[in-house]
C-alpha atoms as a PDB file:
ATOM      1  CA  MET A   1       1.839   7.759  14.526  1.00  0.00           C
ATOM      2  CA  GLY A   2       1.941   6.833  10.869  1.00  0.00           C
ATOM      3  CA  ILE A   3       4.327   5.106   8.521  1.00  0.00           C
ATOM      4  CA  GLU A   4       4.825   5.972   4.878  1.00  0.00           C
ATOM      5  CA  PHE A   5       5.936   3.257   2.471  1.00  0.00           C
ATOM      6  CA  ARG A   6       8.397   4.956   0.169  1.00  0.00           C
ATOM      7  CA  ARG A   7       8.770   2.087  -2.274  1.00  0.00           C
ATOM      8  CA  TYR A   8       7.670  -1.514  -2.224  1.00  0.00           C
ATOM      9  CA  VAL A   9       9.678  -3.255  -4.932  1.00  0.00           C
ATOM     10  CA  VAL A  10       9.526  -6.915  -5.906  1.00  0.00           C
ATOM     11  CA  TRP A  11      12.334  -8.159  -8.120  1.00  0.00           C
ATOM     12  CA  GLU A  12      10.335 -10.986  -9.660  1.00  0.00           C
ATOM     13  CA  PRO A  13       6.842  -9.627 -10.368  1.00  0.00           C
ATOM     14  CA  GLY A  14       4.006 -12.030 -10.990  1.00  0.00           C
ATOM     15  CA  ARG A  15       5.124 -14.736  -8.554  1.00  0.00           C
ATOM     16  CA  GLY A  16       2.991 -13.572  -5.599  1.00  0.00           C
ATOM     17  CA  ILE A  17       5.958 -12.529  -3.477  1.00  0.00           C
ATOM     18  CA  GLY A  18       4.660  -8.990  -2.925  1.00  0.00           C
ATOM     19  CA  SER A  19       1.161 -10.223  -2.123  1.00  0.00           C
ATOM     20  CA  ALA A  20       2.570 -12.654   0.431  1.00  0.00           C
ATOM     21  CA  ALA A  21       5.004 -10.186   2.016  1.00  0.00           C
ATOM     22  CA  LEU A  22       2.724  -7.169   2.354  1.00  0.00           C
ATOM     23  CA  PRO A  23       0.481  -8.617   5.106  1.00  0.00           C
ATOM     24  CA  LEU A  24       3.608  -9.512   7.091  1.00  0.00           C
ATOM     25  CA  VAL A  25       4.913  -5.961   6.778  1.00  0.00           C
ATOM     26  CA  LEU A  26       1.523  -4.524   7.778  1.00  0.00           C
ATOM     27  CA  ALA A  27       1.262  -6.896  10.749  1.00  0.00           C
ATOM     28  CA  HIS A  28       4.654  -5.649  11.915  1.00  0.00           C
ATOM     29  CA  CYS A  29       3.613  -1.992  11.478  1.00  0.00           C
ATOM     30  CA  PHE A  30       0.298  -2.347  13.301  1.00  0.00           C
ATOM     31  CA  ASP A  31       0.911  -5.152  15.798  1.00  0.00           C
ATOM     32  CA  GLU A  32       4.569  -4.695  16.694  1.00  0.00           C
ATOM     33  CA  LEU A  33       5.164  -0.967  16.161  1.00  0.00           C
ATOM     34  CA  GLY A  34       1.673   0.181  17.157  1.00  0.00           C
ATOM     35  CA  THR A  35       1.277   2.572  14.248  1.00  0.00           C
ATOM     36  CA  HIS A  36      -2.124   4.059  13.533  1.00  0.00           C
ATOM     37  CA  ARG A  37      -1.880   4.445   9.748  1.00  0.00           C
ATOM     38  CA  VAL A  38       0.231   3.257   6.819  1.00  0.00           C
ATOM     39  CA  TRP A  39       0.142   5.156   3.549  1.00  0.00           C
ATOM     40  CA  LEU A  40       1.871   5.118   0.186  1.00  0.00           C
ATOM     41  CA  ASP A  41       1.619   6.530  -3.288  1.00  0.00           C
ATOM     42  CA  VAL A  42       1.409   4.577  -6.527  1.00  0.00           C
ATOM     43  CA  MET A  43       1.243   5.489 -10.209  1.00  0.00           C
ATOM     44  CA  PRO A  44      -2.328   5.344 -11.518  1.00  0.00           C
ATOM     45  CA  ASP A  45      -1.295   3.063 -14.395  1.00  0.00           C
ATOM     46  CA  ASN A  46       0.393   0.514 -12.095  1.00  0.00           C
ATOM     47  CA  GLY A  47      -2.601  -1.786 -11.904  1.00  0.00           C
ATOM     48  CA  ARG A  48      -0.666  -4.752 -10.539  1.00  0.00           C
ATOM     49  CA  ALA A  49       0.587  -2.812  -7.507  1.00  0.00           C
ATOM     50  CA  ARG A  50      -2.775  -1.158  -6.900  1.00  0.00           C
ATOM     51  CA  ARG A  51      -4.525  -4.547  -6.836  1.00  0.00           C
ATOM     52  CA  VAL A  52      -1.982  -5.890  -4.319  1.00  0.00           C
ATOM     53  CA  TYR A  53      -2.508  -2.859  -2.082  1.00  0.00           C
ATOM     54  CA  GLU A  54      -6.311  -3.039  -2.383  1.00  0.00           C
ATOM     55  CA  ARG A  55      -6.341  -6.761  -1.509  1.00  0.00           C
ATOM     56  CA  ALA A  56      -4.306  -5.925   1.605  1.00  0.00           C
ATOM     57  CA  GLY A  57      -6.933  -3.351   2.621  1.00  0.00           C
ATOM     58  CA  PHE A  58      -5.485  -0.082   1.338  1.00  0.00           C
ATOM     59  CA  ARG A  59      -8.025   2.411   0.014  1.00  0.00           C
ATOM     60  CA  ALA A  60      -7.459   5.254  -2.425  1.00  0.00           C
ATOM     61  CA  GLU A  61      -7.657   8.595  -0.627  1.00  0.00           C
ATOM     62  CA  GLY A  62      -6.801  11.054  -3.332  1.00  0.00           C
ATOM     63  CA  LEU A  63      -4.716  12.081  -6.290  1.00  0.00           C
ATOM     64  CA  LEU A  64      -1.429  13.954  -6.027  1.00  0.00           C
ATOM     65  CA  ARG A  65      -1.476  15.976  -9.241  1.00  0.00           C
ATOM     66  CA  ASP A  66       1.755  16.450 -11.216  1.00  0.00           C
ATOM     67  CA  ALA A  67       3.648  14.632  -8.486  1.00  0.00           C
ATOM     68  CA  LEU A  68       6.357  12.767 -10.372  1.00  0.00           C
ATOM     69  CA  ARG A  69       8.571  13.624 -13.311  1.00  0.00           C
ATOM     70  CA  ARG A  70       9.461  10.558 -15.359  1.00  0.00           C
ATOM     71  CA  PRO A  71      12.856  10.173 -17.051  1.00  0.00           C
ATOM     72  CA  ASP A  72      11.232  11.098 -20.389  1.00  0.00           C
ATOM     73  CA  GLY A  73      10.243  14.473 -18.923  1.00  0.00           C
ATOM     74  CA  SER A  74       6.522  13.773 -18.610  1.00  0.00           C
ATOM     75  CA  VAL A  75       4.805  14.661 -15.348  1.00  0.00           C
ATOM     76  CA  VAL A  76       2.328  12.201 -13.866  1.00  0.00           C
ATOM     77  CA  PRO A  77       0.009  12.077 -10.866  1.00  0.00           C
ATOM     78  CA  LEU A  78       0.241   9.607  -8.002  1.00  0.00           C
ATOM     79  CA  VAL A  79      -2.645   7.921  -6.198  1.00  0.00           C
ATOM     80  CA  LEU A  80      -2.453   8.250  -2.416  1.00  0.00           C
ATOM     81  CA  MET A  81      -3.546   5.040  -0.667  1.00  0.00           C
ATOM     82  CA  ALA A  82      -3.752   4.194   3.040  1.00  0.00           C
ATOM     83  CA  ILE A  83      -4.918   1.680   5.600  1.00  0.00           C
ATOM     84  CA  THR A  84      -5.583   2.362   9.285  1.00  0.00           C
ATOM     85  CA  ALA A  85      -5.023   0.083  12.253  1.00  0.00           C
ATOM     86  CA  ALA A  86      -8.791  -0.332  12.722  1.00  0.00           C
ATOM     87  CA  GLU A  87      -9.203  -1.368   9.078  1.00  0.00           C
ATOM     88  CA  TRP A  88      -6.292  -3.792   9.402  1.00  0.00           C
ATOM     89  CA  ARG A  89      -7.677  -5.370  12.556  1.00  0.00           C
ATOM     90  CA  SER A  90     -11.143  -5.784  11.042  1.00  0.00           C
ATOM     91  CA  ARG A  91      -9.593  -7.578   8.031  1.00  0.00           C
ATOM     92  CA  SER A  92      -7.238  -9.814   9.986  1.00  0.00           C
ATOM     93  CA  ALA A  93      -9.676 -10.788  12.724  1.00  0.00           C
ATOM     94  CA  PRO A  94     -10.279 -14.532  13.019  1.00  0.00           C
ATOM     95  CA  PRO A  95     -13.513 -15.766  11.440  1.00  0.00           C
ATOM     96  CA  ARG A  96     -16.528 -15.568  13.717  1.00  0.00           C
ATOM     97  CA  PRO A  97     -18.607 -18.711  14.389  1.00  0.00           C
END
């Protein structure tokens, strides 16, 4: 079973709210719902979001070419990113003595 994040929007960027909330959402997905994989897509030029996802353990898996048409008519790719339950558990495991 997998879960796709459609959009992860923070109304006040730069305050750390998204960085703080994402691990809670992932813990719910993996620990409570028992999902195997969480994935999302993000614009390549959205560096802030990509860094938040990478710090949470997401890894880039590929590029969806010509995936989104912007309001100005331009067509842009999206980066596909994902994290698996095993990756999540290895990151959130308590420190070993």
